[in-house]
Amino acid sequence: MAGTYLDVVSVPVGDQDRARAFYTEVLGFQPRADMTMADGLRWVQLAPAGGGASITLVTWFETMPPGSLKGIVLAAEDIRKTYEECAGRGLRWNGPIEEASWGTFATFDDPDGNGWVVVQAQPAA
């Protein structure tokens, strides 16, 4: 798959307005699109402030019920700063920052139960 990259990840939610508010107000994601598609479905696309791949908040995949996505990984340049900033905006982390042999991380769930992992970004080799 040469020349390809990850562009959009579908995150299954129950209420797009509630999820949009969480991702923008608590996590600081930036809106990329919010529009009506065919059949009255709504496309809500957001991206982390640092750019890269974005997410779309979906309600239409029967095989992806709200909260069924787990293990989505975000890299933070300074995980401690990110942890404190998001906690200050109301994020309820699943626990403290943890140290493991593979890195430093913390986890949280969005309002629907989708599971996220925030890792300390590793310096380029």
PDB file of N, CA and C in Angstrom:
ATOM      1  N   MET A   1       0.829  -1.188   0.000  1.00  0.00           N
ATOM      2  CA  MET A   1       0.000   0.000   0.000  1.00  0.00           C
ATOM      3  C   MET A   1       0.876   1.255   0.000  1.00  0.00           C
ATOM      4  N   ALA A   2       1.825   1.269  -0.841  1.00  0.00           N
ATOM      5  CA  ALA A   2       2.727   2.414  -0.947  1.00  0.00           C
ATOM      6  C   ALA A   2       1.945   3.675  -1.275  1.00  0.00           C
ATOM      7  N   GLY A   3       2.348   4.771  -0.669  1.00  0.00           N
ATOM      8  CA  GLY A   3       1.710   6.046  -0.949  1.00  0.00           C
ATOM      9  C   GLY A   3       0.385   6.253  -0.248  1.00  0.00           C
ATOM     10  N   THR A   4       0.072   5.418   0.724  1.00  0.00           N
ATOM     11  CA  THR A   4      -1.186   5.577   1.450  1.00  0.00           C
ATOM     12  C   THR A   4      -0.912   6.049   2.877  1.00  0.00           C
ATOM     13  N   TYR A   5      -1.930   6.564   3.506  1.00  0.00           N
ATOM     14  CA  TYR A   5      -1.823   6.991   4.896  1.00  0.00           C
ATOM     15  C   TYR A   5      -3.202   6.911   5.533  1.00  0.00           C
ATOM     16  N   LEU A   6      -3.225   6.861   6.843  1.00  0.00           N
ATOM     17  CA  LEU A   6      -4.483   6.831   7.572  1.00  0.00           C
ATOM     18  C   LEU A   6      -5.098   8.221   7.529  1.00  0.00           C
ATOM     19  N   ASP A   7      -6.344   8.319   7.097  1.00  0.00           N
ATOM     20  CA  ASP A   7      -6.985   9.616   6.927  1.00  0.00           C
ATOM     21  C   ASP A   7      -8.077   9.853   7.973  1.00  0.00           C
ATOM     22  N   VAL A   8      -9.070   8.950   8.053  1.00  0.00           N
ATOM     23  CA  VAL A   8     -10.211   9.141   8.944  1.00  0.00           C
ATOM     24  C   VAL A   8     -10.529   7.841   9.665  1.00  0.00           C
ATOM     25  N   VAL A   9     -10.782   7.943  10.974  1.00  0.00           N
ATOM     26  CA  VAL A   9     -11.213   6.801  11.785  1.00  0.00           C
ATOM     27  C   VAL A   9     -12.644   7.067  12.221  1.00  0.00           C
ATOM     28  N   SER A  10     -13.536   6.104  12.001  1.00  0.00           N
ATOM     29  CA  SER A  10     -14.929   6.236  12.409  1.00  0.00           C
ATOM     30  C   SER A  10     -15.066   5.884  13.882  1.00  0.00           C
ATOM     31  N   VAL A  11     -15.629   6.805  14.665  1.00  0.00           N
ATOM     32  CA  VAL A  11     -15.843   6.611  16.097  1.00  0.00           C
ATOM     33  C   VAL A  11     -17.355   6.521  16.318  1.00  0.00           C
ATOM     34  N   PRO A  12     -17.854   5.352  16.755  1.00  0.00           N
ATOM     35  CA  PRO A  12     -19.299   5.178  16.909  1.00  0.00           C
ATOM     36  C   PRO A  12     -19.837   5.854  18.175  1.00  0.00           C
ATOM     37  N   VAL A  13     -20.816   6.738  17.970  1.00  0.00           N
ATOM     38  CA  VAL A  13     -21.398   7.485  19.082  1.00  0.00           C
ATOM     39  C   VAL A  13     -22.921   7.405  19.037  1.00  0.00           C
ATOM     40  N   GLY A  14     -23.540   7.692  20.159  1.00  0.00           N
ATOM     41  CA  GLY A  14     -24.997   7.683  20.236  1.00  0.00           C
ATOM     42  C   GLY A  14     -25.609   9.033  19.920  1.00  0.00           C
ATOM     43  N   ASP A  15     -24.893  10.111  20.234  1.00  0.00           N
ATOM     44  CA  ASP A  15     -25.402  11.463  20.042  1.00  0.00           C
ATOM     45  C   ASP A  15     -24.258  12.312  19.486  1.00  0.00           C
ATOM     46  N   GLN A  16     -24.364  12.699  18.234  1.00  0.00           N
ATOM     47  CA  GLN A  16     -23.283  13.433  17.588  1.00  0.00           C
ATOM     48  C   GLN A  16     -23.031  14.800  18.208  1.00  0.00           C
ATOM     49  N   ASP A  17     -24.059  15.489  18.653  1.00  0.00           N
ATOM     50  CA  ASP A  17     -23.865  16.801  19.283  1.00  0.00           C
ATOM     51  C   ASP A  17     -23.108  16.676  20.602  1.00  0.00           C
ATOM     52  N   ARG A  18     -23.510  15.714  21.429  1.00  0.00           N
ATOM     53  CA  ARG A  18     -22.819  15.492  22.711  1.00  0.00           C
ATOM     54  C   ARG A  18     -21.371  15.102  22.463  1.00  0.00           C
ATOM     55  N   ALA A  19     -21.133  14.198  21.516  1.00  0.00           N
ATOM     56  CA  ALA A  19     -19.773  13.748  21.208  1.00  0.00           C
ATOM     57  C   ALA A  19     -18.940  14.898  20.632  1.00  0.00           C
ATOM     58  N   ARG A  20     -19.517  15.684  19.754  1.00  0.00           N
ATOM     59  CA  ARG A  20     -18.790  16.825  19.171  1.00  0.00           C
ATOM     60  C   ARG A  20     -18.363  17.796  20.263  1.00  0.00           C
ATOM     61  N   ALA A  21     -19.247  18.073  21.197  1.00  0.00           N
ATOM     62  CA  ALA A  21     -18.905  18.975  22.299  1.00  0.00           C
ATOM     63  C   ALA A  21     -17.762  18.400  23.139  1.00  0.00           C
ATOM     64  N   PHE A  22     -17.808  17.112  23.426  1.00  0.00           N
ATOM     65  CA  PHE A  22     -16.746  16.475  24.206  1.00  0.00           C
ATOM     66  C   PHE A  22     -15.401  16.572  23.481  1.00  0.00           C
ATOM     67  N   TYR A  23     -15.372  16.186  22.222  1.00  0.00           N
ATOM     68  CA  TYR A  23     -14.110  16.158  21.493  1.00  0.00           C
ATOM     69  C   TYR A  23     -13.542  17.556  21.248  1.00  0.00           C
ATOM     70  N   THR A  24     -14.393  18.554  21.058  1.00  0.00           N
ATOM     71  CA  THR A  24     -13.885  19.905  20.815  1.00  0.00           C
ATOM     72  C   THR A  24     -13.601  20.652  22.118  1.00  0.00           C
ATOM     73  N   GLU A  25     -14.528  20.600  23.062  1.00  0.00           N
ATOM     74  CA  GLU A  25     -14.386  21.397  24.290  1.00  0.00           C
ATOM     75  C   GLU A  25     -13.462  20.769  25.327  1.00  0.00           C
ATOM     76  N   VAL A  26     -13.486  19.452  25.447  1.00  0.00           N
ATOM     77  CA  VAL A  26     -12.667  18.775  26.452  1.00  0.00           C
ATOM     78  C   VAL A  26     -11.310  18.362  25.893  1.00  0.00           C
ATOM     79  N   LEU A  27     -11.304  17.774  24.697  1.00  0.00           N
ATOM     80  CA  LEU A  27     -10.045  17.297  24.120  1.00  0.00           C
ATOM     81  C   LEU A  27      -9.364  18.324  23.226  1.00  0.00           C
ATOM     82  N   GLY A  28     -10.063  19.346  22.805  1.00  0.00           N
ATOM     83  CA  GLY A  28      -9.452  20.373  21.969  1.00  0.00           C
ATOM     84  C   GLY A  28      -9.330  20.017  20.499  1.00  0.00           C
ATOM     85  N   PHE A  29     -10.103  19.022  20.020  1.00  0.00           N
ATOM     86  CA  PHE A  29     -10.086  18.690  18.601  1.00  0.00           C
ATOM     87  C   PHE A  29     -10.662  19.864  17.814  1.00  0.00           C
ATOM     88  N   GLN A  30     -10.234  19.992  16.559  1.00  0.00           N
ATOM     89  CA  GLN A  30     -10.681  21.073  15.687  1.00  0.00           C
ATOM     90  C   GLN A  30     -11.677  20.534  14.666  1.00  0.00           C
ATOM     91  N   PRO A  31     -12.785  21.238  14.444  1.00  0.00           N
ATOM     92  CA  PRO A  31     -13.750  20.806  13.422  1.00  0.00           C
ATOM     93  C   PRO A  31     -13.151  20.877  12.021  1.00  0.00           C
ATOM     94  N   ARG A  32     -13.395  19.850  11.232  1.00  0.00           N
ATOM     95  CA  ARG A  32     -12.994  19.863   9.813  1.00  0.00           C
ATOM     96  C   ARG A  32     -14.225  19.926   8.921  1.00  0.00           C
ATOM     97  N   ALA A  33     -15.318  19.282   9.361  1.00  0.00           N
ATOM     98  CA  ALA A  33     -16.558  19.301   8.575  1.00  0.00           C
ATOM     99  C   ALA A  33     -17.725  18.941   9.484  1.00  0.00           C
ATOM    100  N   ASP A  34     -18.881  19.502   9.171  1.00  0.00           N
ATOM    101  CA  ASP A  34     -20.133  19.154   9.850  1.00  0.00           C
ATOM    102  C   ASP A  34     -21.232  19.438   8.842  1.00  0.00           C
ATOM    103  N   MET A  35     -21.668  18.381   8.164  1.00  0.00           N
ATOM    104  CA  MET A  35     -22.625  18.576   7.070  1.00  0.00           C
ATOM    105  C   MET A  35     -23.546  17.377   6.941  1.00  0.00           C
ATOM    106  N   THR A  36     -24.651  17.596   6.250  1.00  0.00           N
ATOM    107  CA  THR A  36     -25.605  16.534   5.981  1.00  0.00           C
ATOM    108  C   THR A  36     -25.175  15.800   4.717  1.00  0.00           C
ATOM    109  N   MET A  37     -25.222  14.457   4.811  1.00  0.00           N
ATOM    110  CA  MET A  37     -24.893  13.619   3.661  1.00  0.00           C
ATOM    111  C   MET A  37     -26.199  13.076   3.078  1.00  0.00           C
ATOM    112  N   ALA A  38     -26.086  12.104   2.220  1.00  0.00           N
ATOM    113  CA  ALA A  38     -27.246  11.444   1.640  1.00  0.00           C
ATOM    114  C   ALA A  38     -28.106  10.826   2.740  1.00  0.00           C
ATOM    115  N   ASP A  39     -29.375  10.714   2.492  1.00  0.00           N
ATOM    116  CA  ASP A  39     -30.331  10.091   3.409  1.00  0.00           C
ATOM    117  C   ASP A  39     -30.393  10.798   4.761  1.00  0.00           C
ATOM    118  N   GLY A  40     -30.012  12.070   4.816  1.00  0.00           N
ATOM    119  CA  GLY A  40     -30.114  12.830   6.051  1.00  0.00           C
ATOM    120  C   GLY A  40     -29.083  12.482   7.104  1.00  0.00           C
ATOM    121  N   LEU A  41     -28.083  11.666   6.771  1.00  0.00           N
ATOM    122  CA  LEU A  41     -27.027  11.332   7.726  1.00  0.00           C
ATOM    123  C   LEU A  41     -26.075  12.516   7.849  1.00  0.00           C
ATOM    124  N   ARG A  42     -25.513  12.660   9.030  1.00  0.00           N
ATOM    125  CA  ARG A  42     -24.642  13.812   9.311  1.00  0.00           C
ATOM    126  C   ARG A  42     -23.187  13.370   9.382  1.00  0.00           C
ATOM    127  N   TRP A  43     -22.328  14.101   8.696  1.00  0.00           N
ATOM    128  CA  TRP A  43     -20.885  13.853   8.701  1.00  0.00           C
ATOM    129  C   TRP A  43     -20.243  14.882   9.617  1.00  0.00           C
ATOM    130  N   VAL A  44     -19.724  14.419  10.761  1.00  0.00           N
ATOM    131  CA  VAL A  44     -19.036  15.292  11.710  1.00  0.00           C
ATOM    132  C   VAL A  44     -17.593  14.812  11.773  1.00  0.00           C
ATOM    133  N   GLN A  45     -16.686  15.623  11.248  1.00  0.00           N
ATOM    134  CA  GLN A  45     -15.271  15.255  11.176  1.00  0.00           C
ATOM    135  C   GLN A  45     -14.449  16.232  12.006  1.00  0.00           C
ATOM    136  N   LEU A  46     -13.601  15.680  12.886  1.00  0.00           N
ATOM    137  CA  LEU A  46     -12.776  16.468  13.795  1.00  0.00           C
ATOM    138  C   LEU A  46     -11.348  15.948  13.746  1.00  0.00           C
ATOM    139  N   ALA A  47     -10.399  16.805  14.118  1.00  0.00           N
ATOM    140  CA  ALA A  47      -8.998  16.380  14.116  1.00  0.00           C
ATOM    141  C   ALA A  47      -8.294  16.928  15.352  1.00  0.00           C
ATOM    142  N   PRO A  48      -7.339  16.160  15.886  1.00  0.00           N
ATOM    143  CA  PRO A  48      -6.530  16.690  16.989  1.00  0.00           C
ATOM    144  C   PRO A  48      -5.842  17.979  16.539  1.00  0.00           C
ATOM    145  N   ALA A  49      -5.600  18.870  17.479  1.00  0.00           N
ATOM    146  CA  ALA A  49      -4.989  20.165  17.149  1.00  0.00           C
ATOM    147  C   ALA A  49      -3.645  19.998  16.439  1.00  0.00           C
ATOM    148  N   GLY A  50      -2.945  18.882  16.677  1.00  0.00           N
ATOM    149  CA  GLY A  50      -1.649  18.652  16.054  1.00  0.00           C
ATOM    150  C   GLY A  50      -1.716  18.146  14.634  1.00  0.00           C
ATOM    151  N   GLY A  51      -2.921  17.945  14.118  1.00  0.00           N
ATOM    152  CA  GLY A  51      -3.074  17.494  12.745  1.00  0.00           C
ATOM    153  C   GLY A  51      -3.033  15.983  12.609  1.00  0.00           C
ATOM    154  N   GLY A  52      -2.731  15.524  11.420  1.00  0.00           N
ATOM    155  CA  GLY A  52      -2.690  14.093  11.142  1.00  0.00           C
ATOM    156  C   GLY A  52      -4.070  13.553  10.806  1.00  0.00           C
ATOM    157  N   ALA A  53      -4.289  12.284  11.102  1.00  0.00           N
ATOM    158  CA  ALA A  53      -5.574  11.652  10.823  1.00  0.00           C
ATOM    159  C   ALA A  53      -6.673  12.321  11.632  1.00  0.00           C
ATOM    160  N   SER A  54      -7.887  12.238  11.118  1.00  0.00           N
ATOM    161  CA  SER A  54      -9.028  12.816  11.806  1.00  0.00           C
ATOM    162  C   SER A  54     -10.008  11.706  12.187  1.00  0.00           C
ATOM    163  N   ILE A  55     -11.057  12.093  12.902  1.00  0.00           N
ATOM    164  CA  ILE A  55     -12.113  11.151  13.261  1.00  0.00           C
ATOM    165  C   ILE A  55     -13.420  11.663  12.692  1.00  0.00           C
ATOM    166  N   THR A  56     -14.358  10.756  12.481  1.00  0.00           N
ATOM    167  CA  THR A  56     -15.721  11.143  12.162  1.00  0.00           C
ATOM    168  C   THR A  56     -16.623  10.452  13.172  1.00  0.00           C
ATOM    169  N   LEU A  57     -17.588  11.188  13.668  1.00  0.00           N
ATOM    170  CA  LEU A  57     -18.500  10.689  14.694  1.00  0.00           C
ATOM    171  C   LEU A  57     -19.689  10.061  13.995  1.00  0.00           C
ATOM    172  N   VAL A  58     -19.753   8.726  14.007  1.00  0.00           N
ATOM    173  CA  VAL A  58     -20.743   8.002  13.204  1.00  0.00           C
ATOM    174  C   VAL A  58     -21.850   7.405  14.065  1.00  0.00           C
ATOM    175  N   THR A  59     -23.035   7.344  13.453  1.00  0.00           N
ATOM    176  CA  THR A  59     -24.206   6.751  14.107  1.00  0.00           C
ATOM    177  C   THR A  59     -24.857   5.684  13.234  1.00  0.00           C
ATOM    178  N   TRP A  60     -24.302   5.429  12.056  1.00  0.00           N
ATOM    179  CA  TRP A  60     -25.013   4.631  11.070  1.00  0.00           C
ATOM    180  C   TRP A  60     -24.472   3.225  10.824  1.00  0.00           C
ATOM    181  N   PHE A  61     -23.423   2.797  11.474  1.00  0.00           N
ATOM    182  CA  PHE A  61     -22.917   1.444  11.261  1.00  0.00           C
ATOM    183  C   PHE A  61     -23.543   0.489  12.279  1.00  0.00           C
ATOM    184  N   GLU A  62     -24.412  -0.381  11.821  1.00  0.00           N
ATOM    185  CA  GLU A  62     -25.086  -1.318  12.721  1.00  0.00           C
ATOM    186  C   GLU A  62     -24.103  -2.219  13.458  1.00  0.00           C
ATOM    187  N   THR A  63     -22.981  -2.537  12.835  1.00  0.00           N
ATOM    188  CA  THR A  63     -22.004  -3.430  13.468  1.00  0.00           C
ATOM    189  C   THR A  63     -21.038  -2.683  14.383  1.00  0.00           C
ATOM    190  N   MET A  64     -21.206  -1.360  14.504  1.00  0.00           N
ATOM    191  CA  MET A  64     -20.368  -0.550  15.387  1.00  0.00           C
ATOM    192  C   MET A  64     -21.265   0.226  16.352  1.00  0.00           C
ATOM    193  N   PRO A  65     -21.746  -0.426  17.403  1.00  0.00           N
ATOM    194  CA  PRO A  65     -22.585   0.306  18.357  1.00  0.00           C
ATOM    195  C   PRO A  65     -21.758   1.341  19.119  1.00  0.00           C
ATOM    196  N   PRO A  66     -22.401   2.383  19.619  1.00  0.00           N
ATOM    197  CA  PRO A  66     -21.682   3.397  20.396  1.00  0.00           C
ATOM    198  C   PRO A  66     -20.821   2.750  21.482  1.00  0.00           C
ATOM    199  N   GLY A  67     -19.584   3.201  21.580  1.00  0.00           N
ATOM    200  CA  GLY A  67     -18.678   2.696  22.606  1.00  0.00           C
ATOM    201  C   GLY A  67     -17.921   1.440  22.240  1.00  0.00           C
ATOM    202  N   SER A  68     -18.056   0.947  21.031  1.00  0.00           N
ATOM    203  CA  SER A  68     -17.419  -0.327  20.658  1.00  0.00           C
ATOM    204  C   SER A  68     -15.981  -0.183  20.172  1.00  0.00           C
ATOM    205  N   LEU A  69     -15.504   1.027  19.993  1.00  0.00           N
ATOM    206  CA  LEU A  69     -14.136   1.229  19.520  1.00  0.00           C
ATOM    207  C   LEU A  69     -13.202   1.337  20.716  1.00  0.00           C
ATOM    208  N   LYS A  70     -12.140   0.547  20.739  1.00  0.00           N
ATOM    209  CA  LYS A  70     -11.210   0.530  21.871  1.00  0.00           C
ATOM    210  C   LYS A  70      -9.774   0.617  21.363  1.00  0.00           C
ATOM    211  N   GLY A  71      -8.925   1.213  22.187  1.00  0.00           N
ATOM    212  CA  GLY A  71      -7.498   1.221  21.887  1.00  0.00           C
ATOM    213  C   GLY A  71      -7.045   2.246  20.875  1.00  0.00           C
ATOM    214  N   ILE A  72      -7.793   3.310  20.686  1.00  0.00           N
ATOM    215  CA  ILE A  72      -7.359   4.374  19.788  1.00  0.00           C
ATOM    216  C   ILE A  72      -6.211   5.103  20.490  1.00  0.00           C
ATOM    217  N   VAL A  73      -5.118   5.322  19.794  1.00  0.00           N
ATOM    218  CA  VAL A  73      -3.929   5.891  20.429  1.00  0.00           C
ATOM    219  C   VAL A  73      -3.661   7.298  19.911  1.00  0.00           C
ATOM    220  N   LEU A  74      -3.485   8.223  20.848  1.00  0.00           N
ATOM    221  CA  LEU A  74      -3.053   9.582  20.556  1.00  0.00           C
ATOM    222  C   LEU A  74      -1.661   9.758  21.140  1.00  0.00           C
ATOM    223  N   ALA A  75      -0.773  10.428  20.420  1.00  0.00           N
ATOM    224  CA  ALA A  75       0.566  10.726  20.942  1.00  0.00           C
ATOM    225  C   ALA A  75       0.597  12.179  21.392  1.00  0.00           C
ATOM    226  N   ALA A  76       1.120  12.402  22.585  1.00  0.00           N
ATOM    227  CA  ALA A  76       1.230  13.756  23.138  1.00  0.00           C
ATOM    228  C   ALA A  76       2.701  14.108  23.301  1.00  0.00           C
ATOM    229  N   GLU A  77       3.072  15.326  22.942  1.00  0.00           N
ATOM    230  CA  GLU A  77       4.460  15.756  23.114  1.00  0.00           C
ATOM    231  C   GLU A  77       4.837  15.793  24.587  1.00  0.00           C
ATOM    232  N   ASP A  78       3.889  16.184  25.431  1.00  0.00           N
ATOM    233  CA  ASP A  78       4.111  16.245  26.877  1.00  0.00           C
ATOM    234  C   ASP A  78       2.877  15.663  27.553  1.00  0.00           C
ATOM    235  N   ILE A  79       2.929  14.383  27.895  1.00  0.00           N
ATOM    236  CA  ILE A  79       1.745  13.714  28.414  1.00  0.00           C
ATOM    237  C   ILE A  79       1.275  14.315  29.741  1.00  0.00           C
ATOM    238  N   ARG A  80       2.188  14.763  30.569  1.00  0.00           N
ATOM    239  CA  ARG A  80       1.777  15.346  31.849  1.00  0.00           C
ATOM    240  C   ARG A  80       1.008  16.650  31.648  1.00  0.00           C
ATOM    241  N   LYS A  81       1.489  17.474  30.746  1.00  0.00           N
ATOM    242  CA  LYS A  81       0.795  18.721  30.425  1.00  0.00           C
ATOM    243  C   LYS A  81      -0.575  18.420  29.815  1.00  0.00           C
ATOM    244  N   THR A  82      -0.625  17.484  28.884  1.00  0.00           N
ATOM    245  CA  THR A  82      -1.887  17.088  28.257  1.00  0.00           C
ATOM    246  C   THR A  82      -2.859  16.548  29.292  1.00  0.00           C
ATOM    247  N   TYR A  83      -2.364  15.721  30.197  1.00  0.00           N
ATOM    248  CA  TYR A  83      -3.188  15.127  31.252  1.00  0.00           C
ATOM    249  C   TYR A  83      -3.836  16.233  32.095  1.00  0.00           C
ATOM    250  N   GLU A  84      -3.038  17.175  32.536  1.00  0.00           N
ATOM    251  CA  GLU A  84      -3.539  18.260  33.384  1.00  0.00           C
ATOM    252  C   GLU A  84      -4.496  19.179  32.630  1.00  0.00           C
ATOM    253  N   GLU A  85      -4.153  19.537  31.399  1.00  0.00           N
ATOM    254  CA  GLU A  85      -5.011  20.421  30.614  1.00  0.00           C
ATOM    255  C   GLU A  85      -6.385  19.803  30.381  1.00  0.00           C
ATOM    256  N   CYS A  86      -6.403  18.542  29.991  1.00  0.00           N
ATOM    257  CA  CYS A  86      -7.679  17.886  29.717  1.00  0.00           C
ATOM    258  C   CYS A  86      -8.479  17.671  31.007  1.00  0.00           C
ATOM    259  N   ALA A  87      -7.803  17.327  32.080  1.00  0.00           N
ATOM    260  CA  ALA A  87      -8.492  17.181  33.367  1.00  0.00           C
ATOM    261  C   ALA A  87      -9.113  18.517  33.778  1.00  0.00           C
ATOM    262  N   GLY A  88      -8.406  19.600  33.519  1.00  0.00           N
ATOM    263  CA  GLY A  88      -8.919  20.926  33.836  1.00  0.00           C
ATOM    264  C   GLY A  88     -10.139  21.310  33.016  1.00  0.00           C
ATOM    265  N   ARG A  89     -10.302  20.679  31.852  1.00  0.00           N
ATOM    266  CA  ARG A  89     -11.478  20.930  31.010  1.00  0.00           C
ATOM    267  C   ARG A  89     -12.568  19.884  31.250  1.00  0.00           C
ATOM    268  N   GLY A  90     -12.390  19.048  32.271  1.00  0.00           N
ATOM    269  CA  GLY A  90     -13.440  18.107  32.639  1.00  0.00           C
ATOM    270  C   GLY A  90     -13.232  16.662  32.252  1.00  0.00           C
ATOM    271  N   LEU A  91     -12.088  16.296  31.668  1.00  0.00           N
ATOM    272  CA  LEU A  91     -11.862  14.898  31.294  1.00  0.00           C
ATOM    273  C   LEU A  91     -11.656  14.056  32.537  1.00  0.00           C
ATOM    274  N   ARG A  92     -12.382  12.956  32.613  1.00  0.00           N
ATOM    275  CA  ARG A  92     -12.209  12.000  33.702  1.00  0.00           C
ATOM    276  C   ARG A  92     -11.323  10.866  33.183  1.00  0.00           C
ATOM    277  N   TRP A  93     -10.060  10.923  33.546  1.00  0.00           N
ATOM    278  CA  TRP A  93      -9.108   9.884  33.154  1.00  0.00           C
ATOM    279  C   TRP A  93      -9.462   8.596  33.878  1.00  0.00           C
ATOM    280  N   ASN A  94      -9.079   7.458  33.313  1.00  0.00           N
ATOM    281  CA  ASN A  94      -9.340   6.167  33.946  1.00  0.00           C
ATOM    282  C   ASN A  94      -8.406   5.896  35.113  1.00  0.00           C
ATOM    283  N   GLY A  95      -7.398   6.705  35.289  1.00  0.00           N
ATOM    284  CA  GLY A  95      -6.425   6.547  36.363  1.00  0.00           C
ATOM    285  C   GLY A  95      -5.268   7.496  36.121  1.00  0.00           C
ATOM    286  N   PRO A  96      -4.233   7.374  36.939  1.00  0.00           N
ATOM    287  CA  PRO A  96      -3.074   8.254  36.776  1.00  0.00           C
ATOM    288  C   PRO A  96      -2.243   7.870  35.550  1.00  0.00           C
ATOM    289  N   ILE A  97      -1.291   8.717  35.230  1.00  0.00           N
ATOM    290  CA  ILE A  97      -0.318   8.410  34.176  1.00  0.00           C
ATOM    291  C   ILE A  97       0.482   7.197  34.633  1.00  0.00           C
ATOM    292  N   GLU A  98       0.699   6.267  33.715  1.00  0.00           N
ATOM    293  CA  GLU A  98       1.419   5.040  34.042  1.00  0.00           C
ATOM    294  C   GLU A  98       2.718   4.953  33.253  1.00  0.00           C
ATOM    295  N   GLU A  99       3.685   4.288  33.861  1.00  0.00           N
ATOM    296  CA  GLU A  99       4.972   4.015  33.209  1.00  0.00           C
ATOM    297  C   GLU A  99       5.022   2.527  32.894  1.00  0.00           C
ATOM    298  N   ALA A 100       5.419   2.194  31.679  1.00  0.00           N
ATOM    299  CA  ALA A 100       5.574   0.798  31.272  1.00  0.00           C
ATOM    300  C   ALA A 100       6.892   0.681  30.511  1.00  0.00           C
ATOM    301  N   SER A 101       7.310  -0.543  30.272  1.00  0.00           N
ATOM    302  CA  SER A 101       8.570  -0.740  29.559  1.00  0.00           C
ATOM    303  C   SER A 101       8.530  -0.137  28.158  1.00  0.00           C
ATOM    304  N   TRP A 102       7.353  -0.040  27.577  1.00  0.00           N
ATOM    305  CA  TRP A 102       7.209   0.477  26.219  1.00  0.00           C
ATOM    306  C   TRP A 102       6.900   1.975  26.166  1.00  0.00           C
ATOM    307  N   GLY A 103       6.612   2.606  27.325  1.00  0.00           N
ATOM    308  CA  GLY A 103       6.344   4.040  27.293  1.00  0.00           C
ATOM    309  C   GLY A 103       5.488   4.526  28.450  1.00  0.00           C
ATOM    310  N   THR A 104       5.157   5.801  28.406  1.00  0.00           N
ATOM    311  CA  THR A 104       4.357   6.473  29.416  1.00  0.00           C
ATOM    312  C   THR A 104       2.989   6.748  28.813  1.00  0.00           C
ATOM    313  N   PHE A 105       1.909   6.435  29.561  1.00  0.00           N
ATOM    314  CA  PHE A 105       0.572   6.542  28.974  1.00  0.00           C
ATOM    315  C   PHE A 105      -0.494   6.778  30.029  1.00  0.00           C
ATOM    316  N   ALA A 106      -1.669   7.172  29.559  1.00  0.00           N
ATOM    317  CA  ALA A 106      -2.868   7.298  30.382  1.00  0.00           C
ATOM    318  C   ALA A 106      -4.060   6.968  29.486  1.00  0.00           C
ATOM    319  N   THR A 107      -5.159   6.542  30.081  1.00  0.00           N
ATOM    320  CA  THR A 107      -6.324   6.157  29.298  1.00  0.00           C
ATOM    321  C   THR A 107      -7.569   6.909  29.753  1.00  0.00           C
ATOM    322  N   PHE A 108      -8.520   7.020  28.833  1.00  0.00           N
ATOM    323  CA  PHE A 108      -9.825   7.602  29.142  1.00  0.00           C
ATOM    324  C   PHE A 108     -10.851   7.015  28.188  1.00  0.00           C
ATOM    325  N   ASP A 109     -12.120   7.186  28.539  1.00  0.00           N
ATOM    326  CA  ASP A 109     -13.226   6.791  27.677  1.00  0.00           C
ATOM    327  C   ASP A 109     -14.022   8.038  27.321  1.00  0.00           C
ATOM    328  N   ASP A 110     -14.536   8.072  26.097  1.00  0.00           N
ATOM    329  CA  ASP A 110     -15.403   9.187  25.728  1.00  0.00           C
ATOM    330  C   ASP A 110     -16.785   8.955  26.345  1.00  0.00           C
ATOM    331  N   PRO A 111     -17.726   9.880  26.187  1.00  0.00           N
ATOM    332  CA  PRO A 111     -19.040   9.709  26.822  1.00  0.00           C
ATOM    333  C   PRO A 111     -19.795   8.451  26.409  1.00  0.00           C
ATOM    334  N   ASP A 112     -19.451   7.872  25.251  1.00  0.00           N
ATOM    335  CA  ASP A 112     -20.106   6.650  24.800  1.00  0.00           C
ATOM    336  C   ASP A 112     -19.374   5.389  25.230  1.00  0.00           C
ATOM    337  N   GLY A 113     -18.157   5.529  25.774  1.00  0.00           N
ATOM    338  CA  GLY A 113     -17.385   4.367  26.194  1.00  0.00           C
ATOM    339  C   GLY A 113     -16.305   3.941  25.229  1.00  0.00           C
ATOM    340  N   ASN A 114     -16.081   4.696  24.151  1.00  0.00           N
ATOM    341  CA  ASN A 114     -14.957   4.392  23.259  1.00  0.00           C
ATOM    342  C   ASN A 114     -13.672   4.628  24.035  1.00  0.00           C
ATOM    343  N   GLY A 115     -12.738   3.675  23.953  1.00  0.00           N
ATOM    344  CA  GLY A 115     -11.521   3.729  24.755  1.00  0.00           C
ATOM    345  C   GLY A 115     -10.337   4.323  24.030  1.00  0.00           C
ATOM    346  N   TRP A 116      -9.692   5.293  24.666  1.00  0.00           N
ATOM    347  CA  TRP A 116      -8.541   5.997  24.116  1.00  0.00           C
ATOM    348  C   TRP A 116      -7.321   5.796  24.993  1.00  0.00           C
ATOM    349  N   VAL A 117      -6.147   5.812  24.367  1.00  0.00           N
ATOM    350  CA  VAL A 117      -4.864   5.745  25.065  1.00  0.00           C
ATOM    351  C   VAL A 117      -4.054   6.961  24.614  1.00  0.00           C
ATOM    352  N   VAL A 118      -3.526   7.696  25.567  1.00  0.00           N
ATOM    353  CA  VAL A 118      -2.637   8.818  25.243  1.00  0.00           C
ATOM    354  C   VAL A 118      -1.238   8.397  25.666  1.00  0.00           C
ATOM    355  N   VAL A 119      -0.292   8.431  24.741  1.00  0.00           N
ATOM    356  CA  VAL A 119       1.081   8.021  25.008  1.00  0.00           C
ATOM    357  C   VAL A 119       2.010   9.212  24.864  1.00  0.00           C
ATOM    358  N   GLN A 120       3.089   9.169  25.607  1.00  0.00           N
ATOM    359  CA  GLN A 120       4.144  10.173  25.460  1.00  0.00           C
ATOM    360  C   GLN A 120       4.805   9.942  24.118  1.00  0.00           C
ATOM    361  N   ALA A 121       4.817  10.938  23.257  1.00  0.00           N
ATOM    362  CA  ALA A 121       5.435  10.791  21.945  1.00  0.00           C
ATOM    363  C   ALA A 121       6.926  10.520  22.114  1.00  0.00           C
ATOM    364  N   GLN A 122       7.440   9.620  21.323  1.00  0.00           N
ATOM    365  CA  GLN A 122       8.855   9.279  21.364  1.00  0.00           C
ATOM    366  C   GLN A 122       9.625  10.196  20.420  1.00  0.00           C
ATOM    367  N   PRO A 123      10.791  10.668  20.821  1.00  0.00           N
ATOM    368  CA  PRO A 123      11.580  11.513  19.915  1.00  0.00           C
ATOM    369  C   PRO A 123      11.982  10.716  18.671  1.00  0.00           C
ATOM    370  N   ALA A 124      12.085  11.420  17.563  1.00  0.00           N
ATOM    371  CA  ALA A 124      12.500  10.769  16.323  1.00  0.00           C
ATOM    372  C   ALA A 124      13.913  10.224  16.462  1.00  0.00           C
ATOM    373  N   ALA A 125      14.132   9.057  15.890  1.00  0.00           N
ATOM    374  CA  ALA A 125      15.458   8.416  15.972  1.00  0.00           C
ATOM    375  C   ALA A 125      16.434   9.054  15.024  1.00  0.00           C
TER     376      ALA A 125
END
